[in-house]
Protein backbone atom coordinates (compact mmCIF):
# COMPACT_ATOMS: atom_id res chain seq x y z
CA MET A 1 -95.41 213.97 52.45
CA LYS A 2 -95.09 215.14 56.20
CA LYS A 3 -94.08 218.19 57.07
CA CYS A 4 -91.96 219.45 60.07
CA ARG A 5 -93.97 220.32 63.15
CA HIS A 6 -91.91 223.71 63.57
CA CYS A 7 -91.50 224.87 59.81
CA SER A 8 -92.92 223.91 56.64
CA ARG A 9 -90.11 221.70 55.16
CA ARG A 10 -90.31 217.94 54.72
CA ALA A 11 -89.72 215.95 57.85
CA THR A 12 -86.87 213.61 57.97
CA LEU A 13 -87.24 212.54 61.78
CA HIS A 14 -90.63 210.85 62.87
CA VAL A 15 -90.94 209.98 66.45
CA THR A 16 -93.93 208.84 68.70
CA GLU A 17 -93.71 210.41 71.96
CA ILE A 18 -96.05 208.71 74.90
CA ASN A 19 -97.90 211.23 77.07
CA ASP A 20 -100.47 210.15 79.47
CA ASN A 21 -100.81 206.60 77.60
CA VAL A 22 -101.59 208.72 74.56
CA ALA A 23 -98.99 208.25 71.28
CA VAL A 24 -98.40 211.62 69.74
CA PRO A 25 -96.58 211.66 66.66
CA VAL A 26 -93.58 214.06 66.02
CA HIS A 27 -92.48 214.95 62.61
CA LEU A 28 -89.32 217.04 62.46
CA CYS A 29 -87.04 218.23 59.39
CA ASP A 30 -83.00 217.87 60.09
CA ASP A 31 -82.63 221.26 61.39
CA CYS A 32 -85.48 221.21 63.84
CA ALA A 33 -84.41 217.34 64.62
CA GLN A 34 -80.98 218.64 66.02
CA GLY A 35 -82.77 221.05 67.87
CA TYR A 36 -85.62 218.54 69.28
CA LEU A 37 -82.54 215.83 70.22
CA ASN A 38 -80.06 218.19 71.65
CA SER A 39 -82.74 220.11 73.60
CA SER A 40 -82.13 221.08 77.46
CA GLU A 41 -86.15 221.70 78.48
CA PRO A 42 -87.06 220.50 81.63
CA GLU A 43 -89.06 217.05 81.61
CA ASP A 44 -92.35 218.56 82.78
CA GLU A 45 -92.42 221.16 79.73
CA VAL A 46 -92.15 218.70 77.23
CA PRO A 47 -95.54 216.71 77.90
CA THR A 48 -97.55 219.76 77.71
CA GLN A 49 -95.80 221.29 74.41
CA ALA A 50 -95.97 217.83 72.99
CA ALA A 51 -100.23 217.60 73.59
CA GLU A 52 -100.37 221.35 72.04
CA LEU A 53 -98.23 220.23 68.86
CA ALA A 54 -100.16 216.54 68.54
CA ALA A 55 -103.50 218.89 68.30
CA LYS A 56 -101.86 221.11 65.62
CA LEU A 57 -100.22 217.83 63.70
CA GLU A 58 -103.75 216.00 63.94
CA ALA A 59 -105.36 219.11 62.02
CA LEU A 60 -102.52 219.32 59.77
CA VAL A 61 -102.40 215.62 58.87
CA ALA A 62 -106.34 215.85 58.25
CA ASP A 63 -106.01 218.46 55.97
CA GLU A 64 -102.76 217.10 54.16
CA ASP A 65 -103.81 213.71 53.71
CA GLU A 66 -103.40 212.84 49.94
CA GLU A 67 -105.65 210.33 48.31
CA CYS A 68 -105.06 208.16 45.33
CA SER A 69 -107.23 209.69 42.52
CA ASN A 70 -107.87 206.02 41.17
CA CYS A 71 -108.92 203.92 44.43
CA ASN A 72 -109.40 206.66 46.90
CA ILE A 73 -107.09 205.61 49.32
CA SER A 74 -105.15 207.61 51.43
CA PHE A 75 -101.65 207.59 52.44
CA SER A 76 -102.38 207.26 56.22
CA GLN A 77 -104.83 204.29 55.48
CA PHE A 78 -102.01 202.50 53.66
CA ARG A 79 -100.20 203.08 56.80
CA GLU A 80 -102.38 201.79 58.98
CA GLN A 81 -103.20 198.75 56.68
CA GLY A 82 -99.73 197.92 55.03
CA ARG A 83 -101.49 197.64 51.54
CA LEU A 84 -101.74 199.99 48.94
CA GLY A 85 -105.21 200.27 46.95
CA CYS A 86 -104.00 199.83 43.62
CA ALA A 87 -101.15 200.20 41.17
CA ALA A 88 -101.76 204.03 40.77
CA CYS A 89 -100.97 204.38 44.28
CA TYR A 90 -97.27 203.98 43.67
CA ASP A 91 -97.11 207.07 41.42
CA GLU A 92 -99.53 208.81 43.29
CA PHE A 93 -97.50 208.14 46.77
CA ARG A 94 -93.90 208.07 45.04
CA GLN A 95 -92.66 210.83 47.39
CA ASP A 96 -93.52 209.48 50.49
CA LEU A 97 -92.87 205.75 49.49
CA MET A 98 -89.49 206.11 48.48
CA PRO A 99 -87.76 206.60 51.68
CA LEU A 100 -90.17 204.09 53.01
CA LEU A 101 -88.69 201.62 50.48
CA GLU A 102 -85.32 202.19 50.79
CA ASN A 103 -85.54 202.25 54.68
CA ILE A 104 -86.79 198.52 54.28
CA HIS A 105 -85.05 197.20 51.45
CA GLU A 106 -81.81 199.26 51.64
CA ASP A 107 -82.50 200.30 47.97
CA SER A 108 -85.22 201.59 45.60
CA SER A 109 -84.91 199.48 42.91
CA HIS A 110 -85.52 195.83 42.63
CA THR A 111 -82.41 193.81 40.92
CA GLY A 112 -83.99 190.50 40.87
CA LYS A 113 -82.88 186.72 42.21
CA ARG A 114 -82.04 183.87 40.78
CA PRO A 115 -84.19 180.76 40.84
CA ARG A 116 -83.05 178.32 43.86
CA ARG A 117 -83.70 175.37 41.56
CA ASN A 118 -81.12 176.26 39.17
CA PRO A 119 -78.07 177.71 41.24
CA GLY A 120 -75.62 177.06 38.68
CA GLN A 121 -76.57 179.51 36.46
CA SER A 122 -74.36 182.10 36.05
CA THR A 123 -74.53 185.98 34.96
CA SER A 124 -72.90 184.81 31.66
CA GLU A 125 -75.94 182.42 31.17
CA SER A 126 -78.55 185.19 31.94
CA GLN A 127 -77.13 187.48 29.73
CA LEU A 128 -76.99 185.23 26.57
CA VAL A 129 -80.84 184.47 27.01
CA HIS A 130 -81.19 188.28 27.22
CA LEU A 131 -78.68 188.76 23.92
CA ARG A 132 -80.63 185.82 21.94
CA THR A 133 -83.93 187.38 22.66
CA GLU A 134 -82.87 190.68 21.92
CA GLN A 135 -81.08 189.15 18.75
CA ARG A 136 -84.69 187.78 17.77
CA LYS A 137 -86.15 191.34 18.14
CA ALA A 138 -83.63 192.91 15.93
CA ILE A 139 -84.38 190.43 13.21
CA GLU A 140 -88.12 190.64 13.61
CA LYS A 141 -87.40 194.79 12.84
CA GLU A 142 -85.19 193.82 10.34
CA ASP A 143 -82.26 195.59 11.83
CA TYR A 144 -79.77 193.12 10.46
CA GLU A 145 -76.58 195.20 11.51
CA SER A 146 -77.95 195.05 15.07
CA ALA A 147 -78.43 191.34 14.91
CA ALA A 148 -74.79 190.47 13.49
CA LYS A 149 -73.29 192.52 16.37
CA LEU A 150 -75.52 190.50 18.85
CA ARG A 151 -74.76 187.50 16.96
CA ASP A 152 -70.94 188.14 17.61
CA GLU A 153 -71.50 188.90 21.39
CA ILE A 154 -73.38 185.57 21.68
CA ALA A 155 -70.56 183.71 19.94
CA ARG A 156 -68.27 185.15 22.37
CA LEU A 157 -70.45 184.56 25.53
CA GLU A 158 -70.74 181.31 24.29
CA ALA A 159 -66.77 180.59 23.73
CA GLU A 160 -66.41 182.13 27.49
CA LEU A 161 -68.87 179.86 28.69
CA HIS A 162 -67.52 176.31 27.09
CA ASN A 163 -63.90 177.28 27.96
CA LEU A 164 -64.73 177.55 31.60
CA PRO A 165 -62.65 175.11 33.76
CA GLY A 166 -64.30 172.26 35.33
CA SER A 167 -67.39 172.87 32.69
CA SER A 168 -68.73 169.67 31.00
CA THR A 169 -67.05 170.63 27.78
CA ASP A 170 -63.71 169.86 29.35
CA ASP A 171 -62.47 166.88 27.84
CA SER A 172 -59.01 166.42 30.12
CA VAL A 173 -58.31 163.10 31.66
CA ASP A 174 -55.98 163.07 34.44
């Protein structure tokens, strides 16, 4: 987790300033970012302040760069390489990864996709497969009450699927 360069809160704005061909990362919280973006400091003072803050920031990053307890990769190494070292890294760097994933994918959970080779499969058909699997599990556990409820739900979904207009079971002739 990156911290604000002015206070100890979590940084939400990450800017890279270029001063004398040197990239200087700047991390700011929401409040400090407003001051940074609205600052009316003269241009010549900003590079001097940025260089001083960059030195402080580098020291902080070196001290605070967490490592995965399983594979010993640091979050900064992940940022450089673009790959995590192991599955445990997802748990170790969860706080830092969530905003990154939300930014990239616009969500933090995967909802899945349908195979392109079978575009006609509807949500009802997918749900039907899921219900049959759950019914099988309920029968194996000898939970016959749940299995009966699932059977009724399966029957209802199958009736919906077979009564759709334009389906192959529609025997009407024009």
